[in-house]
Amino acid sequence: MGPRAGVPSRRHAEMGPVLTHSRSASDASTSPSTDAWRARPRRVLARRAEPLLISGGPCLTAPAATGFTQADREDRADRMDRVDQAEQAEQADPAGAGIADLTGIIDSTRHGGRTLALTFDDGPNPADTPQLLKVLRRHRVKAVFCLWGEHVKEHPELVRAIVAGGHTLGNHTMRHDDLSSWSPERIRADLEMTNAEIHRAAPGTRIPYFRAPYGRWGRSPEVAYGLGMRPLGWRLAIGDWEPPGTDELIRRIEEGITPGSVVLLHDGGGDRSQTVAAVDRVVPELRFRGWRFDRPARHA
């Protein structure tokens, strides 16, 4: 992959209303088991308060004893996003309006601010993908894996492991070809073949994103949109396709990220052990500095 960024995107705040519940004292005045009856709604409220924690902070004030960490809040925000995504994403615009936005190349995160999204290309790779998945699980980070079709065919079990880890999939073509001069028909055939291999490995899995090899898009954004995928670019490419050393990769990430960045890394296409080591070290450091890990936006 070359360090070509996608088209800048627009962000919109996503904040829903917060509902609170109250009961009048008269509600319990005639109950023969008042104490048990009063305890019941408190248990219901405790269960319902948890999902209302979003990435920007809690919508309901949690008791001090809960001990929510930043990773907890990111997990809850991610679950809320997946529910919302299942309801809204991948729906065609019936009036044909906004198609240019939907086929625009995404390079920003879903929530903006001091967030970044980690994306990994060219896997799955049996040498490094399993180690990367362990690192991401340990740090409770969800990422996007843009899959090379031939590698999917060779290692379907790794695709299933990626999905089991709660990560998002992207189509990265069947053979990592330059699509810039291809006809829409040829691009479509390739993307359909790649999706078929991914679904053979992990039936029913959604593939919401497509990324063109080398960032050479040609007609692929519109074709990908027609197949239910959004073109995923990046704002920061750290050049790990030619490993410069773990310390250098960390420096490039820390000095190169800007608020809302989609970051391009690799888990396949060569020895990616330095990338795995860099992710392992940089995630806790960035969290300490106030950064959060997000998903890419749904559209540009």
C-alpha atoms as a PDB file:
ATOM      1  CA  MET A   1       0.000   0.000   0.000  1.00  0.00           C
ATOM      2  CA  GLY A   2       1.246   3.487  -0.749  1.00  0.00           C
ATOM      3  CA  PRO A   3       0.790   6.506   1.499  1.00  0.00           C
ATOM      4  CA  ARG A   4      -2.057   8.091  -0.405  1.00  0.00           C
ATOM      5  CA  ALA A   5      -4.792   9.460   1.818  1.00  0.00           C
ATOM      6  CA  GLY A   6      -8.498   9.470   1.106  1.00  0.00           C
ATOM      7  CA  VAL A   7     -10.721  12.458   0.505  1.00  0.00           C
ATOM      8  CA  PRO A   8     -11.407  14.458   3.716  1.00  0.00           C
ATOM      9  CA  SER A   9     -14.759  13.729   5.261  1.00  0.00           C
ATOM     10  CA  ARG A  10     -17.452  15.623   7.162  1.00  0.00           C
ATOM     11  CA  ARG A  11     -18.388  14.621  10.691  1.00  0.00           C
ATOM     12  CA  HIS A  12     -21.705  15.029  12.418  1.00  0.00           C
ATOM     13  CA  ALA A  13     -22.252  14.733  16.165  1.00  0.00           C
ATOM     14  CA  GLU A  14     -24.230  11.659  17.176  1.00  0.00           C
ATOM     15  CA  MET A  15     -25.874  12.186  20.553  1.00  0.00           C
ATOM     16  CA  GLY A  16     -29.292  10.857  21.440  1.00  0.00           C
ATOM     17  CA  PRO A  17     -31.607  11.964  24.258  1.00  0.00           C
ATOM     18  CA  VAL A  18     -31.129  10.660  27.762  1.00  0.00           C
ATOM     19  CA  LEU A  19     -34.255   9.343  29.488  1.00  0.00           C
ATOM     20  CA  THR A  20     -34.604   9.142  33.248  1.00  0.00           C
ATOM     21  CA  HIS A  21     -37.358   7.404  35.180  1.00  0.00           C
ATOM     22  CA  SER A  22     -39.072   8.415  38.394  1.00  0.00           C
ATOM     23  CA  ARG A  23     -41.950   7.107  40.523  1.00  0.00           C
ATOM     24  CA  SER A  24     -44.311   8.993  42.831  1.00  0.00           C
ATOM     25  CA  ALA A  25     -44.558   7.927  46.452  1.00  0.00           C
ATOM     26  CA  SER A  26     -48.215   6.990  46.001  1.00  0.00           C
ATOM     27  CA  ASP A  27     -47.312   4.178  43.629  1.00  0.00           C
ATOM     28  CA  ALA A  28     -46.247   1.954  46.522  1.00  0.00           C
ATOM     29  CA  SER A  29     -48.789   3.046  49.148  1.00  0.00           C
ATOM     30  CA  THR A  30     -51.000  -0.060  49.038  1.00  0.00           C
ATOM     31  CA  SER A  31     -48.505  -2.798  48.252  1.00  0.00           C
ATOM     32  CA  PRO A  32     -48.390  -5.670  50.823  1.00  0.00           C
ATOM     33  CA  SER A  33     -44.672  -6.235  50.062  1.00  0.00           C
ATOM     34  CA  THR A  34     -43.412  -2.680  49.862  1.00  0.00           C
ATOM     35  CA  ASP A  35     -39.736  -3.360  50.525  1.00  0.00           C
ATOM     36  CA  ALA A  36     -39.419  -6.058  47.857  1.00  0.00           C
ATOM     37  CA  TRP A  37     -41.475  -4.006  45.409  1.00  0.00           C
ATOM     38  CA  ARG A  38     -39.251  -0.961  45.895  1.00  0.00           C
ATOM     39  CA  ALA A  39     -36.110  -3.005  45.341  1.00  0.00           C
ATOM     40  CA  ARG A  40     -37.311  -4.337  41.995  1.00  0.00           C
ATOM     41  CA  PRO A  41     -37.117  -1.150  39.874  1.00  0.00           C
ATOM     42  CA  ARG A  42     -33.700  -0.334  41.299  1.00  0.00           C
ATOM     43  CA  ARG A  43     -32.387  -3.581  39.846  1.00  0.00           C
ATOM     44  CA  VAL A  44     -33.988  -2.777  36.480  1.00  0.00           C
ATOM     45  CA  LEU A  45     -32.472   0.692  36.442  1.00  0.00           C
ATOM     46  CA  ALA A  46     -29.047  -0.712  37.279  1.00  0.00           C
ATOM     47  CA  ARG A  47     -29.240  -2.994  34.253  1.00  0.00           C
ATOM     48  CA  ARG A  48     -30.470  -0.258  31.953  1.00  0.00           C
ATOM     49  CA  ALA A  49     -27.969   2.388  33.034  1.00  0.00           C
ATOM     50  CA  GLU A  50     -24.979   0.526  31.616  1.00  0.00           C
ATOM     51  CA  PRO A  51     -25.762   0.721  27.852  1.00  0.00           C
ATOM     52  CA  LEU A  52     -26.303   4.473  28.123  1.00  0.00           C
ATOM     53  CA  LEU A  53     -22.585   5.035  28.571  1.00  0.00           C
ATOM     54  CA  ILE A  54     -21.227   6.457  25.319  1.00  0.00           C
ATOM     55  CA  SER A  55     -17.747   7.355  24.124  1.00  0.00           C
ATOM     56  CA  GLY A  56     -18.046  10.983  25.187  1.00  0.00           C
ATOM     57  CA  GLY A  57     -18.787   9.993  28.808  1.00  0.00           C
ATOM     58  CA  PRO A  58     -21.645   8.525  30.835  1.00  0.00           C
ATOM     59  CA  CYS A  59     -25.202   9.647  30.048  1.00  0.00           C
ATOM     60  CA  LEU A  60     -26.203   8.462  33.500  1.00  0.00           C
ATOM     61  CA  THR A  61     -24.019   9.060  36.493  1.00  0.00           C
ATOM     62  CA  ALA A  62     -22.550   5.706  37.475  1.00  0.00           C
ATOM     63  CA  PRO A  63     -21.802   4.928  41.130  1.00  0.00           C
ATOM     64  CA  ALA A  64     -18.197   5.526  42.087  1.00  0.00           C
ATOM     65  CA  ALA A  65     -17.779   1.838  42.919  1.00  0.00           C
ATOM     66  CA  THR A  66     -18.340   0.670  39.332  1.00  0.00           C
ATOM     67  CA  GLY A  67     -14.756   1.416  38.295  1.00  0.00           C
ATOM     68  CA  PHE A  68     -15.413   1.873  34.572  1.00  0.00           C
ATOM     69  CA  THR A  69     -12.204   2.210  32.572  1.00  0.00           C
ATOM     70  CA  GLN A  70     -11.680   3.977  29.269  1.00  0.00           C
ATOM     71  CA  ALA A  71     -11.693   0.575  27.570  1.00  0.00           C
ATOM     72  CA  ASP A  72     -15.090  -0.167  29.192  1.00  0.00           C
ATOM     73  CA  ARG A  73     -16.530   3.008  27.749  1.00  0.00           C
ATOM     74  CA  GLU A  74     -15.104   2.230  24.313  1.00  0.00           C
ATOM     75  CA  ASP A  75     -16.630  -1.265  24.458  1.00  0.00           C
ATOM     76  CA  ARG A  76     -20.040   0.118  25.343  1.00  0.00           C
ATOM     77  CA  ALA A  77     -19.847   2.771  22.634  1.00  0.00           C
ATOM     78  CA  ASP A  78     -18.861   0.086  20.148  1.00  0.00           C
ATOM     79  CA  ARG A  79     -21.859  -2.079  21.085  1.00  0.00           C
ATOM     80  CA  MET A  80     -24.188   0.900  20.674  1.00  0.00           C
ATOM     81  CA  ASP A  81     -22.660   1.663  17.287  1.00  0.00           C
ATOM     82  CA  ARG A  82     -23.138  -1.900  16.090  1.00  0.00           C
ATOM     83  CA  VAL A  83     -26.837  -1.773  16.993  1.00  0.00           C
ATOM     84  CA  ASP A  84     -27.184   1.539  15.189  1.00  0.00           C
ATOM     85  CA  GLN A  85     -25.195   0.248  12.238  1.00  0.00           C
ATOM     86  CA  ALA A  86     -27.417  -2.795  11.889  1.00  0.00           C
ATOM     87  CA  GLU A  87     -30.435  -0.487  11.638  1.00  0.00           C
ATOM     88  CA  GLN A  88     -29.087   2.240   9.391  1.00  0.00           C
ATOM     89  CA  ALA A  89     -25.900   1.336   7.520  1.00  0.00           C
ATOM     90  CA  GLU A  90     -25.815  -0.130   4.056  1.00  0.00           C
ATOM     91  CA  GLN A  91     -29.236   1.246   3.055  1.00  0.00           C
ATOM     92  CA  ALA A  92     -29.420   2.713  -0.461  1.00  0.00           C
ATOM     93  CA  ASP A  93     -30.709   6.274  -0.890  1.00  0.00           C
ATOM     94  CA  PRO A  94     -34.092   5.761  -2.605  1.00  0.00           C
ATOM     95  CA  ALA A  95     -34.159   9.255  -4.073  1.00  0.00           C
ATOM     96  CA  GLY A  96     -30.624   9.033  -5.404  1.00  0.00           C
ATOM     97  CA  ALA A  97     -29.524  12.026  -3.314  1.00  0.00           C
ATOM     98  CA  GLY A  98     -26.242  11.979  -1.432  1.00  0.00           C
ATOM     99  CA  ILE A  99     -24.691   9.224  -3.549  1.00  0.00           C
ATOM    100  CA  ALA A 100     -21.531  11.311  -4.026  1.00  0.00           C
ATOM    101  CA  ASP A 101     -21.101  11.431  -0.241  1.00  0.00           C
ATOM    102  CA  LEU A 102     -21.709   7.709   0.132  1.00  0.00           C
ATOM    103  CA  THR A 103     -19.113   6.854  -2.503  1.00  0.00           C
ATOM    104  CA  GLY A 104     -16.624   9.390  -1.138  1.00  0.00           C
ATOM    105  CA  ILE A 105     -13.513   7.891   0.404  1.00  0.00           C
ATOM    106  CA  ILE A 106     -13.679   7.642   4.195  1.00  0.00           C
ATOM    107  CA  ASP A 107     -10.622   8.744   6.136  1.00  0.00           C
ATOM    108  CA  SER A 108     -12.086   9.770   9.497  1.00  0.00           C
ATOM    109  CA  THR A 109     -13.528   8.130  12.586  1.00  0.00           C
ATOM    110  CA  ARG A 110     -17.153   7.795  13.539  1.00  0.00           C
ATOM    111  CA  HIS A 111     -17.082  10.186  16.493  1.00  0.00           C
ATOM    112  CA  GLY A 112     -14.224  12.596  15.740  1.00  0.00           C
ATOM    113  CA  GLY A 113     -12.328  14.396  18.489  1.00  0.00           C
ATOM    114  CA  ARG A 114      -9.301  12.681  20.023  1.00  0.00           C
ATOM    115  CA  THR A 115     -10.099   9.359  18.378  1.00  0.00           C
ATOM    116  CA  LEU A 116      -8.352   7.135  15.869  1.00  0.00           C
ATOM    117  CA  ALA A 117      -9.301   3.977  13.998  1.00  0.00           C
ATOM    118  CA  LEU A 118      -6.780   1.194  13.407  1.00  0.00           C
ATOM    119  CA  THR A 119      -7.066  -0.634  10.081  1.00  0.00           C
ATOM    120  CA  PHE A 120      -4.945  -3.547   8.881  1.00  0.00           C
ATOM    121  CA  ASP A 121      -4.390  -4.602   5.259  1.00  0.00           C
ATOM    122  CA  ASP A 122      -3.189  -7.637   3.296  1.00  0.00           C
ATOM    123  CA  GLY A 123      -4.067 -10.397   5.758  1.00  0.00           C
ATOM    124  CA  PRO A 124      -4.865 -12.833   6.989  1.00  0.00           C
ATOM    125  CA  ASN A 125      -1.319 -13.920   7.685  1.00  0.00           C
ATOM    126  CA  PRO A 126      -0.700 -17.010   9.861  1.00  0.00           C
ATOM    127  CA  ALA A 127       2.587 -15.648  11.176  1.00  0.00           C
ATOM    128  CA  ASP A 128       1.316 -12.320  12.527  1.00  0.00           C
ATOM    129  CA  THR A 129      -2.486 -12.048  12.425  1.00  0.00           C
ATOM    130  CA  PRO A 130      -3.037 -14.369  15.440  1.00  0.00           C
ATOM    131  CA  GLN A 131      -0.501 -12.396  17.489  1.00  0.00           C
ATOM    132  CA  LEU A 132      -2.126  -9.122  16.491  1.00  0.00           C
ATOM    133  CA  LEU A 133      -5.544 -10.447  17.524  1.00  0.00           C
ATOM    134  CA  LYS A 134      -4.136 -11.330  20.951  1.00  0.00           C
ATOM    135  CA  VAL A 135      -2.727  -7.807  21.317  1.00  0.00           C
ATOM    136  CA  LEU A 136      -6.009  -6.184  20.303  1.00  0.00           C
ATOM    137  CA  ARG A 137      -7.975  -8.443  22.661  1.00  0.00           C
ATOM    138  CA  ARG A 138      -5.642  -7.695  25.560  1.00  0.00           C
ATOM    139  CA  HIS A 139      -6.016  -3.941  25.019  1.00  0.00           C
ATOM    140  CA  ARG A 140      -9.719  -4.198  24.149  1.00  0.00           C
ATOM    141  CA  VAL A 141      -9.407  -2.453  20.805  1.00  0.00           C
ATOM    142  CA  LYS A 142     -11.596  -3.181  17.789  1.00  0.00           C
ATOM    143  CA  ALA A 143     -10.102  -2.714  14.323  1.00  0.00           C
ATOM    144  CA  VAL A 144     -10.902  -3.108  10.627  1.00  0.00           C
ATOM    145  CA  PHE A 145      -9.199  -5.899   8.676  1.00  0.00           C
ATOM    146  CA  CYS A 146      -9.116  -5.369   4.891  1.00  0.00           C
ATOM    147  CA  LEU A 147      -8.691  -8.898   3.558  1.00  0.00           C
ATOM    148  CA  TRP A 148      -6.743 -10.109   0.535  1.00  0.00           C
ATOM    149  CA  GLY A 149      -8.933 -12.722  -1.163  1.00  0.00           C
ATOM    150  CA  GLU A 150      -6.252 -15.282  -1.953  1.00  0.00           C
ATOM    151  CA  HIS A 151      -5.047 -15.168   1.661  1.00  0.00           C
ATOM    152  CA  VAL A 152      -8.623 -15.650   2.833  1.00  0.00           C
ATOM    153  CA  LYS A 153      -8.861 -18.752   0.668  1.00  0.00           C
ATOM    154  CA  GLU A 154      -5.634 -20.131   2.155  1.00  0.00           C
ATOM    155  CA  HIS A 155      -6.444 -19.292   5.808  1.00  0.00           C
ATOM    156  CA  PRO A 156     -10.207 -19.218   6.370  1.00  0.00           C
ATOM    157  CA  GLU A 157      -9.781 -20.085  10.032  1.00  0.00           C
ATOM    158  CA  LEU A 158      -8.052 -16.739  10.577  1.00  0.00           C
ATOM    159  CA  VAL A 159     -11.009 -14.899   9.061  1.00  0.00           C
ATOM    160  CA  ARG A 160     -13.247 -16.649  11.573  1.00  0.00           C
ATOM    161  CA  ALA A 161     -10.862 -15.663  14.375  1.00  0.00           C
ATOM    162  CA  ILE A 162     -11.000 -12.014  13.266  1.00  0.00           C
ATOM    163  CA  VAL A 163     -14.794 -12.086  13.264  1.00  0.00           C
ATOM    164  CA  ALA A 164     -14.891 -13.859  16.628  1.00  0.00           C
ATOM    165  CA  GLY A 165     -12.791 -11.017  18.044  1.00  0.00           C
ATOM    166  CA  GLY A 166     -15.508  -8.520  17.173  1.00  0.00           C
ATOM    167  CA  HIS A 167     -13.554  -6.809  14.411  1.00  0.00           C
ATOM    168  CA  THR A 168     -14.918  -5.372  11.165  1.00  0.00           C
ATOM    169  CA  LEU A 169     -14.073  -6.760   7.720  1.00  0.00           C
ATOM    170  CA  GLY A 170     -13.151  -4.999   4.518  1.00  0.00           C
ATOM    171  CA  ASN A 171     -12.674  -6.243   0.950  1.00  0.00           C
ATOM    172  CA  HIS A 172      -9.122  -5.654  -0.346  1.00  0.00           C
ATOM    173  CA  THR A 173      -9.589  -7.400  -3.726  1.00  0.00           C
ATOM    174  CA  MET A 174      -8.776 -10.960  -4.682  1.00  0.00           C
ATOM    175  CA  ARG A 175      -5.127 -10.558  -5.754  1.00  0.00           C
ATOM    176  CA  HIS A 176      -4.150  -7.062  -4.617  1.00  0.00           C
ATOM    177  CA  ASP A 177      -4.260  -5.623  -8.136  1.00  0.00           C
ATOM    178  CA  ASP A 178      -4.084  -1.975  -9.179  1.00  0.00           C
ATOM    179  CA  LEU A 179      -7.690  -1.142 -10.137  1.00  0.00           C
ATOM    180  CA  SER A 180      -7.082   2.352 -11.477  1.00  0.00           C
ATOM    181  CA  SER A 181      -7.500   1.392 -15.157  1.00  0.00           C
ATOM    182  CA  TRP A 182     -10.059  -1.404 -14.747  1.00  0.00           C
ATOM    183  CA  SER A 183     -13.592  -1.233 -16.126  1.00  0.00           C
ATOM    184  CA  PRO A 184     -16.484  -1.232 -13.630  1.00  0.00           C
ATOM    185  CA  GLU A 185     -17.473  -4.702 -14.830  1.00  0.00           C
ATOM    186  CA  ARG A 186     -14.028  -6.131 -14.161  1.00  0.00           C
ATOM    187  CA  ILE A 187     -13.849  -4.455 -10.739  1.00  0.00           C
ATOM    188  CA  ARG A 188     -17.257  -5.791  -9.801  1.00  0.00           C
ATOM    189  CA  ALA A 189     -16.304  -9.358 -10.738  1.00  0.00           C
ATOM    190  CA  ASP A 190     -13.183  -9.142  -8.573  1.00  0.00           C
ATOM    191  CA  LEU A 191     -14.962  -7.670  -5.555  1.00  0.00           C
ATOM    192  CA  GLU A 192     -17.752 -10.235  -5.799  1.00  0.00           C
ATOM    193  CA  MET A 193     -15.195 -13.044  -5.934  1.00  0.00           C
ATOM    194  CA  THR A 194     -13.441 -11.664  -2.856  1.00  0.00           C
ATOM    195  CA  ASN A 195     -16.694 -11.292  -0.931  1.00  0.00           C
ATOM    196  CA  ALA A 196     -17.617 -14.857  -1.845  1.00  0.00           C
ATOM    197  CA  GLU A 197     -14.347 -16.149  -0.379  1.00  0.00           C
ATOM    198  CA  ILE A 198     -14.869 -14.135   2.802  1.00  0.00           C
ATOM    199  CA  HIS A 199     -18.422 -15.447   3.161  1.00  0.00           C
ATOM    200  CA  ARG A 200     -17.241 -18.985   2.501  1.00  0.00           C
ATOM    201  CA  ALA A 201     -14.827 -18.592   5.414  1.00  0.00           C
ATOM    202  CA  ALA A 202     -17.293 -16.766   7.686  1.00  0.00           C
ATOM    203  CA  PRO A 203     -20.886 -17.198   6.462  1.00  0.00           C
ATOM    204  CA  GLY A 204     -23.225 -14.292   7.078  1.00  0.00           C
ATOM    205  CA  THR A 205     -20.490 -11.861   8.075  1.00  0.00           C
ATOM    206  CA  ARG A 206     -21.010  -8.242   7.002  1.00  0.00           C
ATOM    207  CA  ILE A 207     -18.345  -6.580   4.830  1.00  0.00           C
ATOM    208  CA  PRO A 208     -19.090  -2.868   5.181  1.00  0.00           C
ATOM    209  CA  TYR A 209     -15.839  -1.502   3.731  1.00  0.00           C
ATOM    210  CA  PHE A 210     -13.696  -1.796   0.619  1.00  0.00           C
ATOM    211  CA  ARG A 211     -10.138  -0.532   0.252  1.00  0.00           C
ATOM    212  CA  ALA A 212      -8.338  -0.298  -3.091  1.00  0.00           C
ATOM    213  CA  PRO A 213      -4.785  -1.664  -3.173  1.00  0.00           C
ATOM    214  CA  TYR A 214      -2.139   1.070  -3.289  1.00  0.00           C
ATOM    215  CA  GLY A 215      -4.906   3.653  -2.866  1.00  0.00           C
ATOM    216  CA  ARG A 216      -5.463   3.564  -6.626  1.00  0.00           C
ATOM    217  CA  TRP A 217      -9.242   3.751  -6.750  1.00  0.00           C
ATOM    218  CA  GLY A 218     -10.273   4.274 -10.379  1.00  0.00           C
ATOM    219  CA  ARG A 219     -13.986   3.439 -10.694  1.00  0.00           C
ATOM    220  CA  SER A 220     -13.975   1.191  -7.642  1.00  0.00           C
ATOM    221  CA  PRO A 221     -15.781   3.478  -5.140  1.00  0.00           C
ATOM    222  CA  GLU A 222     -19.024   3.492  -7.117  1.00  0.00           C
ATOM    223  CA  VAL A 223     -18.763  -0.245  -7.798  1.00  0.00           C
ATOM    224  CA  ALA A 224     -18.135  -0.980  -4.117  1.00  0.00           C
ATOM    225  CA  TYR A 225     -21.133   1.145  -3.146  1.00  0.00           C
ATOM    226  CA  GLY A 226     -23.286  -0.856  -5.510  1.00  0.00           C
ATOM    227  CA  LEU A 227     -22.206  -3.993  -3.634  1.00  0.00           C
ATOM    228  CA  GLY A 228     -23.071  -2.487  -0.248  1.00  0.00           C
ATOM    229  CA  MET A 229     -19.550  -1.399   0.742  1.00  0.00           C
ATOM    230  CA  ARG A 230     -18.066   2.012   1.509  1.00  0.00           C
ATOM    231  CA  PRO A 231     -14.595   2.970   0.220  1.00  0.00           C
ATOM    232  CA  LEU A 232     -12.202   3.174   3.152  1.00  0.00           C
ATOM    233  CA  GLY A 233      -9.096   5.324   2.789  1.00  0.00           C
ATOM    234  CA  TRP A 234      -6.787   6.615   5.502  1.00  0.00           C
ATOM    235  CA  ARG A 235      -5.389   9.818   6.916  1.00  0.00           C
ATOM    236  CA  LEU A 236      -2.136   8.363   8.219  1.00  0.00           C
ATOM    237  CA  ALA A 237      -0.029   5.612   6.617  1.00  0.00           C
ATOM    238  CA  ILE A 238       2.994   4.710   8.747  1.00  0.00           C
ATOM    239  CA  GLY A 239       4.927   2.867   6.023  1.00  0.00           C
ATOM    240  CA  ASP A 240       5.121  -0.475   7.801  1.00  0.00           C
ATOM    241  CA  TRP A 241       5.237  -2.324   4.471  1.00  0.00           C
ATOM    242  CA  GLU A 242       9.005  -1.733   4.684  1.00  0.00           C
ATOM    243  CA  PRO A 243       9.585  -2.347   8.409  1.00  0.00           C
ATOM    244  CA  PRO A 244      11.756   0.463   9.806  1.00  0.00           C
ATOM    245  CA  GLY A 245      11.872  -0.858  13.376  1.00  0.00           C
ATOM    246  CA  THR A 246       9.291  -0.910  16.146  1.00  0.00           C
ATOM    247  CA  ASP A 247      10.457   2.333  17.762  1.00  0.00           C
ATOM    248  CA  GLU A 248      10.213   4.174  14.447  1.00  0.00           C
ATOM    249  CA  LEU A 249       6.706   2.867  13.822  1.00  0.00           C
ATOM    250  CA  ILE A 250       5.631   4.075  17.259  1.00  0.00           C
ATOM    251  CA  ARG A 251       7.165   7.486  16.573  1.00  0.00           C
ATOM    252  CA  ARG A 252       5.322   7.755  13.260  1.00  0.00           C
ATOM    253  CA  ILE A 253       2.004   6.933  14.891  1.00  0.00           C
ATOM    254  CA  GLU A 254       2.433   9.272  17.862  1.00  0.00           C
ATOM    255  CA  GLU A 255       3.661  12.181  15.757  1.00  0.00           C
ATOM    256  CA  GLY A 256       1.393  11.586  12.770  1.00  0.00           C
ATOM    257  CA  ILE A 257      -2.077  11.117  14.219  1.00  0.00           C
ATOM    258  CA  THR A 258      -4.574  13.935  14.140  1.00  0.00           C
ATOM    259  CA  PRO A 259      -8.049  13.949  15.721  1.00  0.00           C
ATOM    260  CA  GLY A 260     -10.348  11.565  13.898  1.00  0.00           C
ATOM    261  CA  SER A 261      -7.638   9.763  11.928  1.00  0.00           C
ATOM    262  CA  VAL A 262      -8.030   6.446  10.164  1.00  0.00           C
ATOM    263  CA  VAL A 263      -4.590   4.808  10.428  1.00  0.00           C
ATOM    264  CA  LEU A 264      -3.293   2.366   7.810  1.00  0.00           C
ATOM    265  CA  LEU A 265      -1.205  -0.577   9.042  1.00  0.00           C
ATOM    266  CA  HIS A 266      -0.577  -4.114   7.800  1.00  0.00           C
ATOM    267  CA  ASP A 267      -0.923  -7.582   9.266  1.00  0.00           C
ATOM    268  CA  GLY A 268      -0.045  -9.358   5.991  1.00  0.00           C
ATOM    269  CA  GLY A 269       2.093  -9.075   2.895  1.00  0.00           C
ATOM    270  CA  GLY A 270       5.369  -9.782   4.699  1.00  0.00           C
ATOM    271  CA  ASP A 271       6.883  -9.913   8.170  1.00  0.00           C
ATOM    272  CA  ARG A 272       4.597  -7.722  10.318  1.00  0.00           C
ATOM    273  CA  SER A 273       6.039  -8.583  13.728  1.00  0.00           C
ATOM    274  CA  GLN A 274       7.246  -4.993  14.141  1.00  0.00           C
ATOM    275  CA  THR A 275       3.732  -3.700  13.508  1.00  0.00           C
ATOM    276  CA  VAL A 276       2.302  -6.084  16.114  1.00  0.00           C
ATOM    277  CA  ALA A 277       4.921  -4.973  18.655  1.00  0.00           C
ATOM    278  CA  ALA A 278       4.288  -1.295  17.880  1.00  0.00           C
ATOM    279  CA  VAL A 279       0.527  -1.657  18.370  1.00  0.00           C
ATOM    280  CA  ASP A 280       1.097  -3.467  21.666  1.00  0.00           C
ATOM    281  CA  ARG A 281       3.174  -0.574  22.993  1.00  0.00           C
ATOM    282  CA  VAL A 282       1.429   2.424  21.487  1.00  0.00           C
ATOM    283  CA  VAL A 283      -2.187   1.642  22.448  1.00  0.00           C
ATOM    284  CA  PRO A 284      -1.757   2.083  26.223  1.00  0.00           C
ATOM    285  CA  GLU A 285       0.452   5.123  25.677  1.00  0.00           C
ATOM    286  CA  LEU A 286      -2.153   6.835  23.500  1.00  0.00           C
ATOM    287  CA  ARG A 287      -4.930   6.004  25.954  1.00  0.00           C
ATOM    288  CA  PHE A 288      -2.846   7.557  28.723  1.00  0.00           C
ATOM    289  CA  ARG A 289      -2.660  10.723  26.615  1.00  0.00           C
ATOM    290  CA  GLY A 290      -6.428  10.865  26.252  1.00  0.00           C
ATOM    291  CA  TRP A 291      -6.941   9.215  22.866  1.00  0.00           C
ATOM    292  CA  ARG A 292      -9.811   6.773  22.252  1.00  0.00           C
ATOM    293  CA  PHE A 293     -10.066   3.976  19.703  1.00  0.00           C
ATOM    294  CA  ASP A 294     -13.034   4.213  17.373  1.00  0.00           C
ATOM    295  CA  ARG A 295     -14.444   2.730  14.173  1.00  0.00           C
ATOM    296  CA  PRO A 296     -14.197   4.469  10.800  1.00  0.00           C
ATOM    297  CA  ALA A 297     -17.117   6.676   9.786  1.00  0.00           C
ATOM    298  CA  ARG A 298     -19.992   5.107   7.876  1.00  0.00           C
ATOM    299  CA  HIS A 299     -19.611   7.475   4.950  1.00  0.00           C
ATOM    300  CA  ALA A 300     -17.479  10.420   3.877  1.00  0.00           C
END
